[in-house]
Protein backbone atom coordinates (compact mmCIF):
# COMPACT_ATOMS: atom_id res chain seq x y z
CA MET A 1 -13.99 -22.93 4.78
CA THR A 2 -17.24 -21.97 3.07
CA GLY A 3 -18.42 -23.24 -0.27
CA LYS A 4 -16.77 -21.98 -3.42
CA GLY A 5 -18.14 -19.80 -6.18
CA VAL A 6 -16.74 -19.05 -9.60
CA PHE A 7 -16.31 -15.73 -11.38
CA VAL A 8 -15.54 -15.42 -15.07
CA SER A 9 -14.57 -12.06 -16.54
CA ARG A 10 -14.74 -11.08 -20.19
CA ARG A 11 -13.25 -8.26 -22.23
CA SER A 12 -15.51 -5.78 -20.57
CA ARG A 13 -15.42 -3.36 -17.68
CA THR A 14 -17.83 -5.44 -15.61
CA PHE A 15 -17.81 -8.96 -14.26
CA VAL A 16 -20.47 -11.50 -15.13
CA GLN A 17 -22.86 -12.65 -12.43
CA ARG A 18 -21.48 -14.56 -9.45
CA PHE A 19 -22.28 -18.21 -8.85
CA GLY A 20 -22.40 -19.38 -5.24
CA VAL A 21 -22.56 -17.57 -1.92
CA ALA A 22 -19.98 -15.14 -0.51
CA ALA A 23 -19.29 -14.72 3.22
CA ILE A 24 -16.96 -12.67 5.38
CA ALA A 25 -14.46 -15.48 5.75
CA ALA A 26 -11.08 -16.60 4.49
CA ALA A 27 -12.81 -18.40 1.64
CA ALA A 28 -11.43 -18.79 -1.87
CA PHE A 29 -13.31 -17.79 -5.02
CA VAL A 30 -11.96 -18.77 -8.41
CA VAL A 31 -11.42 -16.01 -10.95
CA VAL A 32 -10.77 -16.69 -14.60
CA ALA A 33 -9.59 -13.23 -15.62
CA SER A 34 -8.71 -11.42 -18.80
CA SER A 35 -7.33 -7.99 -19.48
CA PHE A 36 -9.42 -4.84 -19.64
CA GLY A 37 -9.08 -1.05 -19.57
CA ALA A 38 -6.48 1.27 -21.06
CA GLY A 39 -3.36 -0.42 -22.33
CA ALA A 40 -4.89 -3.89 -22.45
CA GLY A 41 -4.33 -6.13 -25.43
CA LYS A 42 -1.40 -7.12 -27.58
CA GLY A 43 1.79 -5.30 -26.68
CA GLY A 44 0.38 -3.73 -23.52
CA PRO A 45 0.18 -4.65 -19.85
CA LEU A 46 -2.26 -7.27 -18.62
CA VAL A 47 -4.70 -5.47 -16.29
CA VAL A 48 -7.00 -7.60 -14.14
CA ARG A 49 -9.72 -6.48 -11.77
CA VAL A 50 -9.21 -8.62 -8.64
CA SER A 51 -11.74 -7.36 -6.08
CA ARG A 52 -15.49 -7.72 -5.71
CA ASP A 53 -17.62 -6.41 -2.86
CA THR A 54 -20.13 -9.00 -1.64
CA THR A 55 -20.47 -7.53 1.85
CA LYS A 56 -23.85 -6.35 3.11
CA ALA A 57 -23.08 -4.36 6.29
CA ALA A 58 -25.02 -1.11 6.66
CA GLY A 59 -23.24 2.23 6.80
CA PHE A 60 -20.56 1.48 4.18
CA GLN A 61 -20.09 2.44 0.52
CA HIS A 62 -20.64 -0.83 -1.26
CA ALA A 63 -19.12 -1.87 -4.56
CA THR A 64 -15.93 -0.05 -3.55
CA ALA A 65 -12.38 -1.19 -2.79
CA VAL A 66 -9.40 1.00 -1.90
CA GLU A 67 -5.83 1.04 -0.57
CA PRO A 68 -4.16 -2.04 -2.07
CA ALA A 69 -0.87 -3.61 -1.03
CA ILE A 70 0.84 -6.32 -3.09
CA ALA A 71 3.79 -8.66 -2.51
CA ALA A 72 5.56 -11.33 -4.56
CA GLY A 73 6.66 -14.72 -3.24
CA ALA A 74 8.22 -17.92 -4.52
CA ARG A 75 7.21 -19.76 -7.70
CA GLY A 76 5.33 -16.89 -9.27
CA VAL A 77 2.82 -16.35 -6.47
CA LEU A 78 1.38 -12.87 -5.85
CA VAL A 79 -0.88 -11.72 -3.01
CA THR A 80 -2.69 -8.42 -2.82
CA VAL A 81 -4.84 -7.14 0.07
CA PHE A 82 -7.21 -4.17 0.21
CA GLN A 83 -10.16 -2.51 1.96
CA VAL A 84 -13.62 -3.53 0.74
CA ALA A 85 -16.76 -1.39 1.18
CA SER A 86 -15.09 1.83 2.27
CA SER A 87 -16.57 4.02 5.01
CA VAL A 88 -16.87 7.79 4.68
CA GLN A 89 -15.55 8.21 8.22
CA HIS A 90 -12.95 5.48 8.79
CA GLY A 91 -11.90 2.10 7.47
CA ALA A 92 -14.08 -0.38 5.61
CA ALA A 93 -16.47 -3.27 6.13
CA ALA A 94 -13.86 -5.94 5.33
CA ILE A 95 -10.29 -6.66 4.28
CA GLY A 96 -10.16 -8.57 1.04
CA TRP A 97 -7.39 -10.64 -0.48
CA ALA A 98 -6.64 -11.84 -4.01
CA THR A 99 -3.98 -14.40 -4.89
CA SER A 100 -2.47 -15.47 -8.19
CA ARG A 101 -0.36 -18.61 -8.47
CA ASP A 102 0.45 -18.18 -12.17
CA ARG A 103 2.21 -14.79 -12.29
CA GLY A 104 -0.91 -12.65 -12.41
CA ARG A 105 -3.00 -14.37 -15.10
CA HIS A 106 -5.67 -15.88 -12.87
CA TRP A 107 -6.73 -14.94 -9.35
CA LYS A 108 -8.65 -16.34 -6.40
CA ARG A 109 -10.12 -14.01 -3.82
CA GLY A 110 -11.89 -13.85 -0.50
CA PHE A 111 -12.15 -11.99 2.82
CA PHE A 112 -10.32 -12.23 6.13
CA VAL A 113 -12.11 -13.10 9.35
CA PRO A 114 -11.52 -10.08 11.65
CA ILE A 115 -10.50 -10.46 15.25
CA THR A 116 -13.02 -10.18 18.11
CA ARG A 117 -12.42 -8.80 21.61
CA ASN A 118 -14.10 -9.81 24.85
CA ASP A 119 -13.29 -6.42 26.41
CA ALA A 120 -15.28 -4.53 23.78
CA ALA A 121 -19.05 -4.22 23.45
CA PRO A 122 -19.96 -5.34 20.92
CA PRO A 123 -17.00 -7.76 20.57
CA LYS A 124 -17.02 -7.46 16.79
CA ALA A 125 -15.04 -4.73 15.07
CA LEU A 126 -16.85 -1.68 13.73
CA ASP A 127 -14.51 -1.50 10.74
CA VAL A 128 -11.11 -2.64 9.49
CA THR A 129 -8.34 -0.72 7.76
CA ASP A 130 -4.69 -0.43 6.64
CA PRO A 131 -4.04 -3.90 5.13
CA VAL A 132 -0.41 -4.72 4.24
CA VAL A 133 1.16 -7.99 3.05
CA ALA A 134 4.70 -9.42 3.15
CA TYR A 135 6.26 -12.75 2.16
CA ASP A 136 8.46 -14.49 4.72
CA ALA A 137 10.86 -16.41 2.46
CA ALA A 138 12.60 -18.17 5.35
CA HIS A 139 9.39 -19.76 6.66
CA LYS A 140 7.63 -19.80 3.25
CA LEU A 141 4.65 -17.97 4.71
CA TRP A 142 2.50 -15.00 3.77
CA VAL A 143 1.81 -12.54 6.59
CA VAL A 144 -0.93 -9.90 6.35
CA SER A 145 -1.39 -7.14 8.91
CA SER A 146 -4.40 -4.87 9.36
CA ILE A 147 -6.18 -2.87 12.06
CA ALA A 148 -9.63 -3.54 13.54
CA ASP A 149 -11.53 -0.64 15.13
CA PHE A 150 -13.86 -1.25 18.12
CA ALA A 151 -16.72 0.65 19.74
CA ASN A 152 -14.78 1.27 22.96
CA GLY A 153 -12.36 3.50 21.04
CA SER A 154 -9.54 0.95 21.01
CA ARG A 155 -8.04 -0.77 17.98
CA THR A 156 -6.29 -4.09 17.46
CA LEU A 157 -3.33 -4.66 15.17
CA GLN A 158 -3.90 -8.17 13.80
CA VAL A 159 -2.15 -10.60 11.47
CA HIS A 160 -3.30 -13.49 9.30
CA ARG A 161 -0.91 -16.15 7.96
CA SER A 162 -0.92 -18.53 5.01
CA SER A 163 1.43 -21.04 3.40
CA ASP A 164 -0.23 -20.86 -0.02
CA GLY A 165 -1.99 -17.47 -0.13
CA LEU A 166 -5.37 -19.22 -0.31
CA HIS A 167 -6.01 -20.73 3.10
CA TRP A 168 -5.59 -18.26 5.95
CA SER A 169 -5.20 -18.62 9.69
CA ALA A 170 -7.47 -17.10 12.28
CA PRO A 171 -6.33 -13.59 13.29
CA THR A 172 -3.57 -13.13 15.87
CA GLU A 173 -3.36 -10.03 18.04
CA VAL A 174 -0.06 -8.17 17.80
CA ALA A 175 -0.91 -4.95 19.68
CA LYS A 176 -3.93 -3.00 20.82
CA GLY A 177 -4.69 0.58 21.84
CA ILE A 178 -4.91 3.67 19.65
CA VAL A 179 -2.79 2.19 16.85
CA ASP A 180 -2.69 3.34 13.23
CA LYS A 181 -0.73 3.19 9.96
CA ASP A 182 0.93 -0.24 10.18
CA TRP A 183 3.51 -1.58 7.71
CA ILE A 184 5.16 -5.00 7.61
CA THR A 185 8.37 -6.35 6.09
CA CYS A 186 10.34 -9.60 6.43
CA ASP A 187 14.11 -10.15 6.40
CA ARG A 188 15.08 -12.25 3.37
CA GLY A 189 18.83 -11.62 3.50
CA SER A 190 20.95 -14.75 3.12
CA ARG A 191 23.76 -13.01 5.04
CA SER A 192 21.51 -11.55 7.72
CA PRO A 193 21.73 -12.89 11.29
CA PHE A 194 18.00 -12.15 11.56
CA ARG A 195 16.82 -13.88 8.38
CA GLY A 196 13.18 -14.88 8.74
CA ARG A 197 12.34 -12.12 11.19
CA CYS A 198 9.25 -10.08 10.23
CA TYR A 199 8.84 -6.54 11.53
CA LEU A 200 5.63 -4.60 12.12
CA ALA A 201 5.91 -0.83 12.57
CA PHE A 202 2.92 1.31 13.53
CA THR A 203 1.82 4.56 15.18
CA ARG A 204 0.72 4.90 18.82
CA GLU A 205 -1.44 7.98 18.33
CA ASN A 206 -2.28 8.56 21.99
CA GLU A 207 1.38 8.23 23.02
CA ASP A 208 2.78 10.33 20.15
CA ARG A 209 5.32 7.70 19.15
CA LEU A 210 5.95 4.66 16.94
CA GLY A 211 6.04 1.03 17.96
CA VAL A 212 7.90 -1.90 16.38
CA ARG A 213 7.33 -5.59 17.10
CA TRP A 214 8.94 -8.60 15.44
CA SER A 215 8.20 -12.27 14.88
CA ALA A 216 10.75 -15.02 14.27
CA ASP A 217 8.22 -17.80 13.60
CA GLY A 218 6.21 -16.56 10.64
CA GLY A 219 3.85 -14.38 12.65
CA VAL A 220 2.69 -16.94 15.23
CA THR A 221 4.17 -15.05 18.18
CA TRP A 222 5.37 -11.46 18.51
CA SER A 223 7.98 -9.69 20.59
CA SER A 224 7.49 -6.98 23.16
CA GLU A 225 7.30 -3.48 21.72
CA ALA A 226 10.31 -1.34 20.89
CA LYS A 227 9.60 2.39 21.09
CA ILE A 228 10.65 5.03 18.58
CA MET A 229 10.29 8.52 20.06
CA PRO A 230 10.10 11.30 17.43
CA THR A 231 11.92 14.57 17.92
CA MET A 232 9.11 16.79 16.58
CA GLY A 233 5.99 14.80 17.50
CA HIS A 234 3.03 13.56 15.43
CA PRO A 235 4.81 10.57 13.81
CA THR A 236 3.00 8.57 11.13
CA GLY A 237 3.59 6.52 8.00
CA ALA A 238 6.35 4.31 9.43
CA PHE A 239 7.94 2.26 6.65
CA PRO A 240 10.33 -0.52 7.78
CA VAL A 241 12.87 -1.94 5.34
CA VAL A 242 15.69 -4.44 5.92
CA GLN A 243 19.15 -4.19 4.36
CA PRO A 244 20.94 -7.41 3.31
CA ASN A 245 23.16 -7.34 6.43
CA GLY A 246 20.07 -7.44 8.67
CA ARG A 247 19.98 -3.76 9.63
CA LEU A 248 16.40 -2.57 10.03
CA VAL A 249 15.73 1.00 8.88
CA VAL A 250 12.42 2.74 9.65
CA LEU A 251 11.46 5.90 7.75
CA PHE A 252 8.52 8.03 8.87
CA ARG A 253 6.96 11.45 8.77
CA GLU A 254 6.80 13.71 11.83
CA GLY A 255 6.16 17.29 12.88
CA GLY A 256 3.54 19.78 11.83
CA VAL A 257 -0.06 19.21 12.76
CA ASP A 258 -1.75 16.00 13.79
CA GLN A 259 -2.50 13.62 10.92
CA ARG A 260 -6.24 13.78 11.70
CA ALA A 261 -6.43 17.51 11.03
CA ASP A 262 -8.27 18.94 8.06
CA ALA A 263 -5.92 19.16 5.10
CA ALA A 264 -7.44 22.48 4.03
CA THR A 265 -6.25 24.17 7.22
CA ALA A 266 -3.07 22.16 7.80
CA ILE A 267 0.18 24.07 7.90
CA PRO A 268 3.20 21.76 8.12
CA PRO A 269 6.35 21.84 8.28
CA TRP A 270 6.76 18.14 8.22
CA THR A 271 10.04 16.27 8.15
CA PHE A 272 10.95 12.79 6.93
CA THR A 273 13.22 11.08 9.39
CA ALA A 274 14.82 7.67 9.80
CA THR A 275 16.19 5.50 12.54
CA SER A 276 17.79 2.05 12.46
CA SER A 277 18.29 -1.07 14.53
CA ALA A 278 21.33 -3.35 14.38
CA ASP A 279 19.98 -5.88 16.91
CA GLY A 280 16.91 -7.19 15.13
CA GLY A 281 14.44 -4.53 16.20
CA ARG A 282 15.12 -4.61 19.93
CA THR A 283 16.58 -1.10 20.13
CA PHE A 284 16.86 1.86 17.77
CA GLY A 285 19.57 4.46 17.30
CA VAL A 286 19.56 8.20 16.83
CA ILE A 287 16.83 9.65 14.62
CA ARG A 288 18.30 11.19 11.47
CA THR A 289 16.63 13.72 9.20
CA LEU A 290 16.09 12.78 5.58
CA VAL A 291 14.28 16.00 4.59
CA THR A 292 13.99 19.00 6.89
CA ARG A 293 10.89 20.45 5.23
CA VAL A 294 8.42 18.34 3.32
CA LYS A 295 6.38 20.65 1.15
CA PRO A 296 3.27 18.91 -0.21
CA TYR A 297 0.45 20.32 -2.28
CA PHE A 298 -3.03 19.23 -1.26
CA PRO A 299 -5.16 18.64 -4.38
CA HIS A 300 -8.74 19.83 -4.29
CA TYR A 301 -11.45 17.26 -3.55
CA VAL A 302 -9.16 14.26 -3.01
CA ARG A 303 -7.82 12.83 0.24
CA ALA A 304 -4.11 13.60 0.16
CA PHE A 305 -3.18 14.76 3.65
CA ALA A 306 -2.35 11.24 4.87
CA THR A 307 -0.69 10.20 1.59
CA THR A 308 2.37 12.40 2.09
CA ILE A 309 4.50 9.55 3.37
CA PRO A 310 7.57 7.90 1.85
CA SER A 311 7.55 4.67 -0.13
CA VAL A 312 10.83 2.81 0.34
CA GLY A 313 12.79 -0.05 -1.24
CA VAL A 314 16.25 -1.63 -0.93
CA ASP A 315 18.55 -3.26 -3.49
CA ALA A 316 20.95 -6.20 -3.23
CA ARG A 317 23.83 -3.94 -2.17
CA GLY A 318 21.80 -2.43 0.65
CA ARG A 319 21.16 0.95 -0.98
CA LEU A 320 17.86 2.45 0.15
CA TYR A 321 15.48 4.29 -2.20
CA ALA A 322 12.71 6.61 -0.94
CA VAL A 323 10.06 8.31 -3.09
CA TRP A 324 7.41 10.83 -2.02
CA GLN A 325 5.25 13.67 -3.36
CA THR A 326 6.14 17.34 -3.00
CA CYS A 327 5.67 20.72 -4.69
CA ARG A 328 9.17 21.95 -3.77
CA PHE A 329 10.13 22.21 -7.46
CA ARG A 330 7.10 24.33 -8.41
CA ASN A 331 6.57 28.03 -7.91
CA PRO A 332 3.86 28.63 -6.95
CA CYS A 333 3.04 25.39 -5.14
CA SER A 334 0.25 24.23 -7.45
CA GLY A 335 0.86 20.49 -7.82
CA ASN A 336 3.06 17.62 -6.69
CA ASP A 337 6.03 16.01 -8.36
CA LEU A 338 7.54 12.72 -7.20
CA VAL A 339 11.10 12.89 -5.90
CA LEU A 340 13.75 10.28 -5.12
CA SER A 341 16.41 10.20 -2.42
CA THR A 342 18.87 7.36 -1.72
CA SER A 343 21.08 6.23 1.15
CA THR A 344 23.59 3.47 1.79
CA ASN A 345 23.16 3.43 5.56
CA GLY A 346 19.84 5.11 6.45
CA ARG A 347 21.67 7.98 8.16
CA SER A 348 22.76 10.25 5.32
CA TRP A 349 20.57 10.75 2.24
CA THR A 350 21.07 12.31 -1.16
CA ARG A 351 19.35 15.56 -2.04
CA PRO A 352 15.82 14.84 -3.35
CA ARG A 353 15.70 14.74 -7.14
CA ARG A 354 12.56 15.35 -9.18
CA LEU A 355 11.58 12.36 -11.31
CA PRO A 356 11.02 13.16 -15.03
CA LEU A 357 7.38 12.03 -15.23
CA GLY A 358 6.03 15.01 -17.17
CA ALA A 359 5.76 18.76 -16.77
CA SER A 360 2.03 19.03 -16.10
CA GLY A 361 -0.36 17.29 -13.76
CA ASP A 362 -0.30 16.49 -10.06
CA ARG A 363 1.32 13.17 -9.04
CA ILE A 364 0.32 11.54 -5.77
CA VAL A 365 0.44 8.28 -3.77
CA PRO A 366 3.66 6.65 -5.05
CA GLY A 367 4.35 2.95 -4.56
CA LEU A 368 8.00 1.99 -5.15
CA ALA A 369 9.54 -1.46 -5.63
CA VAL A 370 13.07 -2.70 -6.32
CA ALA A 371 13.39 -5.74 -8.57
CA PRO A 372 15.33 -8.70 -7.14
CA GLY A 373 18.91 -8.85 -8.31
CA ARG A 374 22.51 -9.53 -7.34
CA ARG A 375 25.27 -7.24 -6.21
CA GLY A 376 26.93 -5.61 -9.20
CA GLN A 377 23.90 -5.92 -11.48
CA PRO A 378 21.97 -2.86 -12.70
CA VAL A 379 19.19 -1.96 -10.28
CA ARG A 380 15.66 -1.95 -11.68
CA LEU A 381 13.05 0.26 -9.97
CA GLY A 382 9.29 0.28 -10.54
CA LEU A 383 6.94 3.06 -9.51
CA THR A 384 3.14 3.09 -9.45
CA TYR A 385 1.31 6.36 -8.80
CA TYR A 386 -1.76 8.43 -9.68
CA THR A 387 -1.81 11.54 -11.82
CA ILE A 388 -4.43 14.26 -11.51
CA ARG A 389 -4.64 15.90 -14.90
CA ASN A 390 -5.79 19.33 -13.73
CA GLY A 391 -5.56 20.27 -10.07
CA ALA A 392 -7.80 23.33 -10.56
CA CYS A 393 -10.71 21.27 -11.84
CA SER A 394 -14.24 21.34 -10.49
CA TRP A 395 -15.58 18.48 -8.37
CA VAL A 396 -17.64 16.93 -11.18
CA ARG A 397 -14.81 17.17 -13.74
CA CYS A 398 -11.75 16.21 -11.69
CA GLU A 399 -10.08 13.02 -12.91
CA LEU A 400 -7.15 10.86 -11.89
CA ALA A 401 -5.48 7.88 -13.53
CA PRO A 402 -2.92 5.26 -12.42
CA TYR A 403 0.50 5.30 -14.07
CA PHE A 404 3.71 3.27 -13.97
CA ALA A 405 7.32 4.20 -14.70
CA SER A 406 10.53 2.20 -14.49
CA SER A 407 14.26 2.76 -14.17
CA LYS A 408 16.90 0.26 -15.28
CA ASN A 409 19.82 2.04 -13.62
CA GLY A 410 18.90 2.74 -10.03
CA GLY A 411 16.89 5.88 -10.73
CA ARG A 412 19.35 7.82 -12.91
CA SER A 413 16.96 7.71 -15.86
CA TRP A 414 13.32 6.64 -16.24
CA SER A 415 10.99 5.27 -18.86
CA LYS A 416 8.15 7.36 -20.18
CA PRO A 417 5.09 7.00 -17.94
CA LEU A 418 2.68 4.22 -18.89
CA ARG A 419 -1.00 4.82 -18.17
CA LEU A 420 -2.56 1.69 -16.71
CA PHE A 421 -6.25 2.57 -16.81
CA ALA A 422 -8.54 5.22 -18.25
CA PRO A 423 -8.98 8.43 -16.23
CA THR A 424 -11.50 8.09 -13.41
CA ARG A 425 -13.74 10.93 -12.27
CA TYR A 426 -13.81 11.73 -8.56
CA THR A 427 -17.58 11.27 -8.54
CA TRP A 428 -17.05 7.61 -9.50
CA LEU A 429 -14.85 6.91 -6.45
CA ALA A 430 -15.46 6.12 -2.81
CA GLN A 431 -15.76 9.22 -0.66
CA ALA A 432 -13.82 10.15 2.46
CA ALA A 433 -14.71 12.78 5.04
CA ALA A 434 -15.11 16.44 3.98
CA GLY A 435 -16.34 15.43 0.54
CA GLN A 436 -13.01 14.07 -0.69
CA ALA A 437 -12.55 11.29 -3.23
CA PHE A 438 -10.55 8.36 -1.88
CA VAL A 439 -8.35 5.74 -3.55
CA GLY A 440 -6.18 4.95 -0.51
CA ASP A 441 -3.34 6.39 1.53
CA TYR A 442 -0.89 4.18 -0.37
CA THR A 443 -0.44 2.06 -3.46
CA THR A 444 2.21 -0.59 -4.08
CA THR A 445 4.37 -2.38 -6.63
CA ALA A 446 6.03 -5.82 -6.59
CA TYR A 447 8.44 -7.69 -8.86
CA LEU A 448 8.77 -11.27 -10.09
CA GLY A 449 12.11 -11.20 -11.87
CA LYS A 450 12.05 -8.24 -14.26
CA VAL A 451 8.26 -8.17 -14.48
CA ALA A 452 6.49 -5.56 -12.35
CA TYR A 453 3.03 -5.88 -10.81
CA ALA A 454 1.17 -2.70 -9.86
CA ALA A 455 -1.86 -2.72 -7.54
CA PHE A 456 -4.15 0.31 -7.70
CA ALA A 457 -7.77 1.47 -7.46
CA VAL A 458 -9.93 1.93 -10.58
CA ALA A 459 -13.53 2.90 -11.22
CA THR A 460 -15.99 3.08 -14.06
CA ARG A 461 -19.09 5.23 -14.39
CA PRO A 462 -21.70 4.51 -11.69
CA THR A 463 -24.96 2.89 -12.72
CA ARG A 464 -28.35 2.70 -11.07
CA SER A 465 -27.02 -0.11 -8.90
CA GLY A 466 -24.33 2.17 -7.47
CA LEU A 467 -20.56 2.59 -7.67
CA HIS A 468 -18.13 0.36 -9.55
CA HIS A 469 -14.87 1.07 -7.71
CA SER A 470 -12.44 -1.83 -7.36
CA ILE A 471 -8.80 -2.94 -7.18
CA ALA A 472 -6.86 -3.91 -10.27
CA VAL A 473 -3.43 -5.46 -10.75
CA ALA A 474 -1.36 -4.73 -13.84
CA ARG A 475 1.41 -7.01 -15.10
CA ILE A 476 4.05 -4.84 -16.77
CA ARG A 477 6.83 -6.51 -18.72
CA PRO A 478 9.84 -4.52 -19.97
CA LEU A 479 8.47 -4.74 -23.53
CA ASP A 480 5.19 -3.11 -22.40
CA LEU A 481 6.90 0.16 -21.49
CA PRO A 482 6.81 3.12 -23.90
CA ARG A 483 9.94 3.56 -25.98
């Protein structure tokens, strides 16, 4: 471990100066945080900025952080992970983490040590990307997956582990090759024969398929790879979720053009499909279609091609909930709505239903969570997403803002949307290829009891020192929601 530094934030949109030295390591930095931004204060959500870029590597956009994932564990602990110092071309300079052990009031943060490879020259990764976190309740461990990109064209899917969310293991290799778009989940089911098994699903781009590996010891060792072969090709965005009986369901997008194509010239159709495993991820059954034609709208000047993937949750009864963005309810196709489909078995799904989040605006990058509960209790859903106010805006005037909405009855009705931060101009954000603003291919939500925690990207106006683009976490209690 390196030495510690201390950050103290005030009721302002900037942090005070740092004390101490930061390094690319799994080091902890204390944060004494207070709320800021839209909605902060009495009667509103607590919004805390949890990232800070102290990296120095050349070729990256510094003072940026994108693509957060968040998970909740035991005793009020939360962990969020994200990319730090985003690259215009691919990935970022580092994967950062931030951990709260008091239900989101105060946070400690640091960086993960990336894996090295003796078969690559240089052995250090060029960049890192796609961080995701899960809590393994059976082993009381946090497991974080991410992908390291090397100069020889190969990538490594790696994991870091922690018992407290503050002290992290060295990286472990799970898979290597042309891998992309990983997602991790752990089986918490008390009735599951595979309780404590964590599953990692990812894309094998060069083999046009998905791979799934599992660990039964908290991420120390990993199984051989189970293959999922798509029916239409070009699979991506695999999202594994475990039902209480131990059945593993993997949803993903397939078909259309390759995910690396230019969104401006892309002509899907895409489909959302699902397959399941009843033997703990060793084998998978027939691929079933959730939606035969995904119809997304690609907003101007913002990276949205890769964000058209489902976000999935499961309740105590085993019902699955999937949310994604589409323009199928608009004529002409001039903006995205968010839609919800459910299933009890992962094979047959309800017809997608538009969520009542407002008549105007373009909604993208949903992150769904299901609150913990018991069978027979009402099911609480939480949804974090971004809204673009005017999809026909010019580059210098386009804005987006993070929002949250909740359902207390399994998605039959929803609260009014709650804005979590002031609108952010595209010119304040990290940039992706082709001159597109970038907040991440996904965002996420987690629950501690009935309290939701949303992780999302925010930015304030750039200064002479550069961008001010970071990750924030909002604590949203039921009383914070609009009536």
